[in-house]
Amino acid sequence: MTRLLRVELRRYLHRRAVVLLLAGCLAAPVLIGVSTWFDTRPASDAEIASAQAEVERAKADGEYRQAVDDCVANPMDWGITARDENAVREECRAQNEPQLDWFLYSPELDLDEQQSQSGVAVASLLAILLLLAGTTFTGHDWNSGSVSNQLLFEPRRPRVWTAKAVVVTGVALVVAAVVMTAYWSGLAAVAEARGVLRDGQLVDALQMGWRSAGVAATAALLGYALTMLFRSTVATIGVLLGASVAGSLVLLALGFDERWNPGINIAALIDNGATYYSDEACEAATEDGEYVDYGPCEAEVTFTDASLYTGSFLLLSGVASFASFRRRDVP
């Protein structure tokens, strides 16, 4: 089995399309990371000077003085309870005085925020690229007819199927884990250099990255299993694309809750849980006599729930693929 794994690994890494997709797994996070670094960079002296000039112009504007006068005339409307006229005027000025950050867009690099922003983008791209790598690697074997040649050297089909699955999944897991670890370590180093890294942020981000690596490996294995079942890369991509685009619409038309939406469950895997709008949660809140707004109408999909949901699809696909490869004729 070890020899077979080495052979499949060499074949996987020598496929041009796979190499390009793996290169994309490295290039895309770098581009996103550089963009994040640039967008969150501290303001330059020139930008601060320009913003300060805008502040001075705003202070000289008649609208600012009019707002202060209106506030002084009706302090209660502005939430000011002071009775001394000078104190009222000072509070009115403080509320209405133009501030530097009004004219200076310089967001701070916050790893907690980046988990739901650039982190999700990187995780999604890795999952898509590694899924394509898995289905491309397998689809080429079927299109070229090399599967029959492979079975001449190793006629035991279960071993061949398993070896390919291990290679596709293992490479995806390692690549995604390394890339996500490097991505979050790089952003953490930038945040540390800027003095904005808080305790525990890097650990949380790394955990999110490792969960994302698991999702990417699952996507690669799913792509492989479906391609071994359909014996076509195009068919696999078509099925997955149709499920992602029309899946939620079909579930909604059939009356299923958002709990069964694939996108919600994937988000729960990456974020260690996700919330969604639920009519049942609203009804429960009404029965309990609570005030019903968007909050009580939210239900949660836990990481465990999402794992069972995703795992069931993966298991069904894997079993069908394995059985098909074992029994069907190979051209």
Protein backbone atom coordinates (compact mmCIF):
# COMPACT_ATOMS: atom_id res chain seq x y z
CA MET A 1 0.00 0.00 0.00
CA THR A 2 2.88 2.37 0.79
CA ARG A 3 4.33 1.92 -2.68
CA LEU A 4 0.93 2.57 -4.23
CA LEU A 5 0.56 5.76 -2.18
CA ARG A 6 3.94 7.01 -3.37
CA VAL A 7 3.00 6.31 -6.98
CA GLU A 8 -0.31 8.15 -6.67
CA LEU A 9 1.37 11.07 -4.91
CA ARG A 10 3.90 11.43 -7.72
CA ARG A 11 1.14 11.26 -10.30
CA TYR A 12 -0.89 13.86 -8.39
CA LEU A 13 2.01 16.30 -8.08
CA HIS A 14 3.06 15.88 -11.72
CA ARG A 15 -0.37 16.78 -13.13
CA ARG A 16 -0.01 20.28 -14.64
CA ALA A 17 -3.52 21.39 -13.78
CA VAL A 18 -3.04 20.23 -10.19
CA VAL A 19 0.26 22.10 -9.91
CA LEU A 20 -1.40 25.29 -11.18
CA LEU A 21 -4.25 24.90 -8.69
CA LEU A 22 -1.81 24.31 -5.83
CA ALA A 23 0.11 27.40 -6.93
CA GLY A 24 -3.18 29.29 -6.75
CA CYS A 25 -3.59 28.07 -3.17
CA LEU A 26 -0.34 29.86 -2.36
CA ALA A 27 -0.81 32.96 -4.51
CA ALA A 28 -4.39 33.86 -3.56
CA PRO A 29 -3.77 34.15 0.22
CA VAL A 30 -0.66 36.23 -0.46
CA LEU A 31 -2.66 38.69 -2.56
CA ILE A 32 -5.47 38.84 0.01
CA GLY A 33 -2.97 39.26 2.84
CA VAL A 34 -1.14 42.09 1.08
CA SER A 35 -4.46 43.79 0.35
CA THR A 36 -5.48 43.45 4.01
CA TRP A 37 -2.13 44.82 5.15
CA PHE A 38 -2.43 47.80 2.80
CA ASP A 39 -6.07 48.58 3.66
CA THR A 40 -5.36 48.56 7.41
CA ARG A 41 -2.06 50.44 7.34
CA PRO A 42 -1.74 53.41 9.73
CA ALA A 43 -2.44 56.79 8.20
CA SER A 44 0.56 58.62 6.76
CA ASP A 45 1.58 62.12 7.82
CA ALA A 46 0.21 63.50 4.56
CA GLU A 47 -3.17 61.81 5.09
CA ILE A 48 -3.36 63.10 8.66
CA ALA A 49 -2.50 66.63 7.51
CA SER A 50 -5.16 66.47 4.80
CA ALA A 51 -7.76 65.23 7.28
CA GLN A 52 -6.82 67.96 9.76
CA ALA A 53 -7.33 70.57 7.06
CA GLU A 54 -10.80 69.11 6.44
CA VAL A 55 -11.53 69.40 10.17
CA GLU A 56 -10.57 73.07 10.19
CA ARG A 57 -12.73 73.77 7.14
CA ALA A 58 -15.67 72.00 8.79
CA LYS A 59 -15.23 74.05 11.96
CA ALA A 60 -15.32 77.24 9.93
CA ASP A 61 -18.49 76.10 8.18
CA GLY A 62 -21.73 77.77 9.21
CA GLU A 63 -23.48 74.42 9.67
CA TYR A 64 -21.25 73.56 12.62
CA ARG A 65 -21.97 76.83 14.40
CA GLN A 66 -25.69 76.49 13.63
CA ALA A 67 -25.72 72.97 15.09
CA VAL A 68 -24.06 74.22 18.28
CA ASP A 69 -26.56 77.08 18.59
CA ASP A 70 -29.50 74.68 18.10
CA CYS A 71 -28.06 72.40 20.74
CA VAL A 72 -27.63 75.26 23.22
CA ALA A 73 -31.19 76.40 22.58
CA ASN A 74 -32.64 72.90 23.10
CA PRO A 75 -30.13 70.90 25.17
CA MET A 76 -32.67 68.27 26.24
CA ASP A 77 -33.18 67.29 22.60
CA TRP A 78 -29.47 66.46 22.46
CA GLY A 79 -29.45 64.46 25.67
CA ILE A 80 -27.68 67.18 27.67
CA THR A 81 -28.83 67.58 31.27
CA ALA A 82 -26.36 70.24 32.44
CA ARG A 83 -27.98 73.49 33.62
CA ASP A 84 -25.05 75.90 33.53
CA GLU A 85 -25.02 77.72 30.20
CA ASN A 86 -21.25 77.44 29.78
CA ALA A 87 -21.34 73.71 30.55
CA VAL A 88 -24.18 73.25 28.05
CA ARG A 89 -22.24 75.07 25.35
CA GLU A 90 -19.12 72.99 26.01
CA GLU A 91 -21.07 69.74 25.74
CA CYS A 92 -22.76 70.94 22.57
CA ARG A 93 -19.39 71.76 21.06
CA ALA A 94 -18.04 68.36 22.06
CA GLN A 95 -20.98 66.61 20.41
CA ASN A 96 -20.89 68.59 17.18
CA GLU A 97 -17.26 69.49 16.77
CA PRO A 98 -15.74 67.83 13.68
CA GLN A 99 -13.30 65.08 14.62
CA LEU A 100 -10.20 63.89 12.83
CA ASP A 101 -11.51 60.35 12.38
CA TRP A 102 -14.52 61.72 10.47
CA PHE A 103 -12.19 62.50 7.57
CA LEU A 104 -9.54 59.84 8.09
CA TYR A 105 -10.28 56.29 6.95
CA SER A 106 -7.71 54.13 8.71
CA PRO A 107 -9.26 50.91 10.07
CA GLU A 108 -7.25 49.01 12.64
CA LEU A 109 -6.02 45.51 11.85
CA ASP A 110 -8.24 43.36 14.06
CA LEU A 111 -7.73 39.60 13.75
CA ASP A 112 -11.18 38.93 15.22
CA GLU A 113 -12.80 40.97 12.46
CA GLN A 114 -10.54 39.47 9.80
CA GLN A 115 -11.77 35.97 10.65
CA SER A 116 -15.18 36.85 9.19
CA GLN A 117 -13.69 38.91 6.36
CA SER A 118 -10.42 38.01 4.68
CA GLY A 119 -10.20 34.73 6.60
CA VAL A 120 -13.44 33.45 5.10
CA ALA A 121 -12.29 34.56 1.65
CA VAL A 122 -9.03 32.62 1.95
CA ALA A 123 -10.79 29.55 3.36
CA SER A 124 -13.37 29.57 0.55
CA LEU A 125 -10.75 29.92 -2.17
CA LEU A 126 -8.69 27.08 -0.73
CA ALA A 127 -11.72 24.79 -0.57
CA ILE A 128 -12.69 25.58 -4.18
CA LEU A 129 -9.17 25.22 -5.59
CA LEU A 130 -8.45 21.97 -3.75
CA LEU A 131 -11.83 20.55 -4.76
CA LEU A 132 -10.94 21.34 -8.38
CA ALA A 133 -7.54 19.72 -7.89
CA GLY A 134 -9.17 16.53 -6.63
CA THR A 135 -11.70 16.30 -9.43
CA THR A 136 -9.20 17.31 -12.14
CA PHE A 137 -6.67 14.69 -11.04
CA THR A 138 -9.26 11.92 -11.13
CA GLY A 139 -11.14 13.13 -14.19
CA HIS A 140 -8.00 13.13 -16.31
CA ASP A 141 -7.44 9.46 -15.51
CA TRP A 142 -10.90 8.59 -16.79
CA ASN A 143 -10.68 10.81 -19.87
CA SER A 144 -7.28 9.43 -20.87
CA GLY A 145 -8.20 5.82 -20.17
CA SER A 146 -5.26 5.39 -17.81
CA VAL A 147 -7.42 3.83 -15.10
CA SER A 148 -7.49 0.53 -16.98
CA ASN A 149 -3.68 0.64 -17.26
CA GLN A 150 -3.36 1.32 -13.55
CA LEU A 151 -5.53 -1.71 -12.79
CA LEU A 152 -3.18 -3.90 -14.81
CA PHE A 153 -0.41 -3.16 -12.30
CA GLU A 154 -2.71 -3.17 -9.25
CA PRO A 155 -5.89 -5.19 -9.94
CA ARG A 156 -7.24 -4.80 -6.40
CA ARG A 157 -9.66 -1.95 -6.98
CA PRO A 158 -10.37 -1.07 -3.33
CA ARG A 159 -6.66 -0.39 -2.79
CA VAL A 160 -6.50 1.83 -5.87
CA TRP A 161 -9.58 3.83 -4.83
CA THR A 162 -8.31 4.20 -1.28
CA ALA A 163 -4.80 5.24 -2.31
CA LYS A 164 -6.11 7.97 -4.58
CA ALA A 165 -8.49 9.19 -1.87
CA VAL A 166 -5.74 9.31 0.76
CA VAL A 167 -3.42 11.28 -1.53
CA VAL A 168 -6.06 13.80 -2.61
CA THR A 169 -7.30 14.35 0.94
CA GLY A 170 -3.89 14.32 2.58
CA VAL A 171 -2.33 16.84 0.21
CA ALA A 172 -5.35 19.12 0.55
CA LEU A 173 -5.22 18.95 4.34
CA VAL A 174 -1.49 19.68 4.51
CA VAL A 175 -1.57 22.50 1.95
CA ALA A 176 -4.60 24.20 3.53
CA ALA A 177 -3.23 23.85 7.07
CA VAL A 178 0.17 25.28 6.11
CA VAL A 179 -1.34 28.14 4.11
CA MET A 180 -3.87 29.12 6.79
CA THR A 181 -1.23 28.92 9.53
CA ALA A 182 1.14 31.09 7.51
CA TYR A 183 -1.64 33.55 6.68
CA TRP A 184 -2.72 34.12 10.27
CA SER A 185 0.84 34.13 11.57
CA GLY A 186 1.72 36.81 9.04
CA LEU A 187 -1.24 39.01 9.94
CA ALA A 188 -0.51 38.49 13.64
CA ALA A 189 3.08 39.61 13.10
CA VAL A 190 1.84 42.77 11.38
CA ALA A 191 -0.66 43.44 14.18
CA GLU A 192 2.05 42.86 16.80
CA ALA A 193 4.38 45.29 15.03
CA ARG A 194 1.60 47.89 15.05
CA GLY A 195 0.84 47.23 18.72
CA VAL A 196 -2.78 46.18 18.15
CA LEU A 197 -2.56 42.40 18.73
CA ARG A 198 -4.60 41.34 21.75
CA ASP A 199 -4.18 38.25 23.90
CA GLY A 200 -5.75 35.11 22.47
CA GLN A 201 -6.41 36.54 19.01
CA LEU A 202 -3.73 34.51 17.23
CA VAL A 203 -4.88 31.27 18.86
CA ASP A 204 -8.49 31.90 17.83
CA ALA A 205 -7.42 32.75 14.28
CA LEU A 206 -5.24 29.64 14.00
CA GLN A 207 -8.08 27.45 15.22
CA MET A 208 -10.32 28.98 12.57
CA GLY A 209 -7.61 28.28 10.00
CA TRP A 210 -7.28 24.63 11.01
CA ARG A 211 -11.04 24.15 10.84
CA SER A 212 -10.89 25.68 7.36
CA ALA A 213 -8.18 23.19 6.43
CA GLY A 214 -10.52 20.38 7.43
CA VAL A 215 -13.24 21.88 5.23
CA ALA A 216 -10.80 22.13 2.31
CA ALA A 217 -9.74 18.50 2.74
CA THR A 218 -13.40 17.45 2.87
CA ALA A 219 -14.10 19.40 -0.32
CA ALA A 220 -11.17 17.71 -2.08
CA LEU A 221 -12.34 14.26 -0.99
CA LEU A 222 -15.90 15.03 -2.09
CA GLY A 223 -14.70 16.17 -5.50
CA TYR A 224 -12.63 13.03 -5.87
CA ALA A 225 -15.45 10.70 -4.78
CA LEU A 226 -18.01 12.26 -7.12
CA THR A 227 -15.60 12.17 -10.05
CA MET A 228 -14.87 8.50 -9.44
CA LEU A 229 -18.64 7.97 -9.39
CA PHE A 230 -19.54 10.03 -12.48
CA ARG A 231 -16.20 9.42 -14.24
CA SER A 232 -16.30 13.02 -15.46
CA THR A 233 -14.89 16.27 -14.11
CA VAL A 234 -17.57 18.26 -15.93
CA ALA A 235 -20.37 16.22 -14.37
CA THR A 236 -18.92 16.66 -10.88
CA ILE A 237 -18.53 20.40 -11.24
CA GLY A 238 -22.02 20.65 -12.71
CA VAL A 239 -23.59 18.75 -9.82
CA LEU A 240 -21.74 20.76 -7.18
CA LEU A 241 -22.46 24.07 -8.90
CA GLY A 242 -26.13 23.20 -9.24
CA ALA A 243 -26.33 22.18 -5.59
CA SER A 244 -24.68 25.39 -4.41
CA VAL A 245 -26.82 27.68 -6.58
CA ALA A 246 -30.19 25.95 -6.49
CA GLY A 247 -29.87 24.02 -3.25
CA SER A 248 -31.17 26.74 -0.95
CA LEU A 249 -34.01 27.59 -3.37
CA VAL A 250 -35.13 23.97 -3.56
CA LEU A 251 -35.02 23.59 0.22
CA LEU A 252 -37.04 26.77 0.62
CA ALA A 253 -39.61 25.62 -1.93
CA LEU A 254 -39.98 22.29 -0.14
CA GLY A 255 -40.48 24.01 3.19
CA PHE A 256 -37.21 22.97 4.81
CA ASP A 257 -35.63 25.19 7.45
CA GLU A 258 -32.40 27.11 6.75
CA ARG A 259 -30.80 24.64 9.12
CA TRP A 260 -30.37 22.33 6.12
CA ASN A 261 -28.79 24.93 3.86
CA PRO A 262 -25.31 23.71 2.82
CA GLY A 263 -23.89 27.22 3.03
CA ILE A 264 -25.00 27.65 6.64
CA ASN A 265 -23.40 24.36 7.61
CA ILE A 266 -20.12 25.14 5.88
CA ALA A 267 -20.04 28.50 7.68
CA ALA A 268 -20.63 26.67 10.96
CA LEU A 269 -17.66 24.41 10.27
CA ILE A 270 -15.37 27.35 9.58
CA ASP A 271 -16.62 29.68 12.33
CA ASN A 272 -17.28 27.00 14.96
CA GLY A 273 -21.02 27.64 14.75
CA ALA A 274 -23.39 29.83 12.76
CA THR A 275 -26.80 31.42 13.29
CA TYR A 276 -29.73 31.63 10.90
CA TYR A 277 -33.28 33.00 10.84
CA SER A 278 -35.79 30.46 12.12
CA ASP A 279 -39.58 30.70 12.16
CA GLU A 280 -39.68 28.04 14.86
CA ALA A 281 -37.48 30.17 17.10
CA CYS A 282 -39.87 33.10 16.62
CA GLU A 283 -42.85 30.95 17.55
CA ALA A 284 -41.09 29.71 20.68
CA ALA A 285 -40.25 33.27 21.67
CA THR A 286 -43.89 34.29 21.21
CA GLU A 287 -45.09 31.42 23.37
CA ASP A 288 -42.70 32.42 26.14
CA GLY A 289 -44.04 35.96 26.04
CA GLU A 290 -40.74 37.47 24.95
CA TYR A 291 -40.40 40.54 22.77
CA VAL A 292 -39.88 39.20 19.27
CA ASP A 293 -37.24 40.84 17.12
CA TYR A 294 -34.45 39.42 14.96
CA GLY A 295 -32.49 38.21 17.98
CA PRO A 296 -35.01 35.68 19.37
CA CYS A 297 -35.74 34.52 15.83
CA GLU A 298 -32.20 33.20 15.46
CA ALA A 299 -31.28 29.55 15.80
CA GLU A 300 -27.79 28.10 15.86
CA VAL A 301 -26.04 25.38 13.92
CA THR A 302 -23.20 24.07 16.07
CA PHE A 303 -19.92 22.69 14.79
CA THR A 304 -21.06 19.19 15.74
CA ASP A 305 -24.36 19.59 13.87
CA ALA A 306 -22.56 20.84 10.78
CA SER A 307 -20.01 18.01 10.98
CA LEU A 308 -22.77 15.39 11.06
CA TYR A 309 -24.60 17.11 8.18
CA THR A 310 -21.51 17.39 5.99
CA GLY A 311 -20.21 13.99 6.99
CA SER A 312 -23.44 12.29 5.95
CA PHE A 313 -23.16 13.70 2.42
CA LEU A 314 -19.50 12.74 2.25
CA LEU A 315 -20.24 9.23 3.51
CA LEU A 316 -23.03 8.66 0.99
CA SER A 317 -20.89 9.96 -1.86
CA GLY A 318 -17.91 7.91 -0.76
CA VAL A 319 -19.84 4.67 -0.39
CA ALA A 320 -21.54 5.11 -3.77
CA SER A 321 -18.24 5.99 -5.43
CA PHE A 322 -16.37 3.08 -3.84
CA ALA A 323 -19.08 0.57 -4.73
CA SER A 324 -19.32 1.88 -8.29
CA PHE A 325 -15.57 1.67 -8.88
CA ARG A 326 -15.45 -1.82 -7.43
CA ARG A 327 -18.26 -3.27 -9.55
CA ARG A 328 -18.58 -1.29 -12.80
CA ASP A 329 -16.59 -2.10 -15.90
CA VAL A 330 -13.57 0.08 -16.55
CA PRO A 331 -13.15 1.09 -20.21
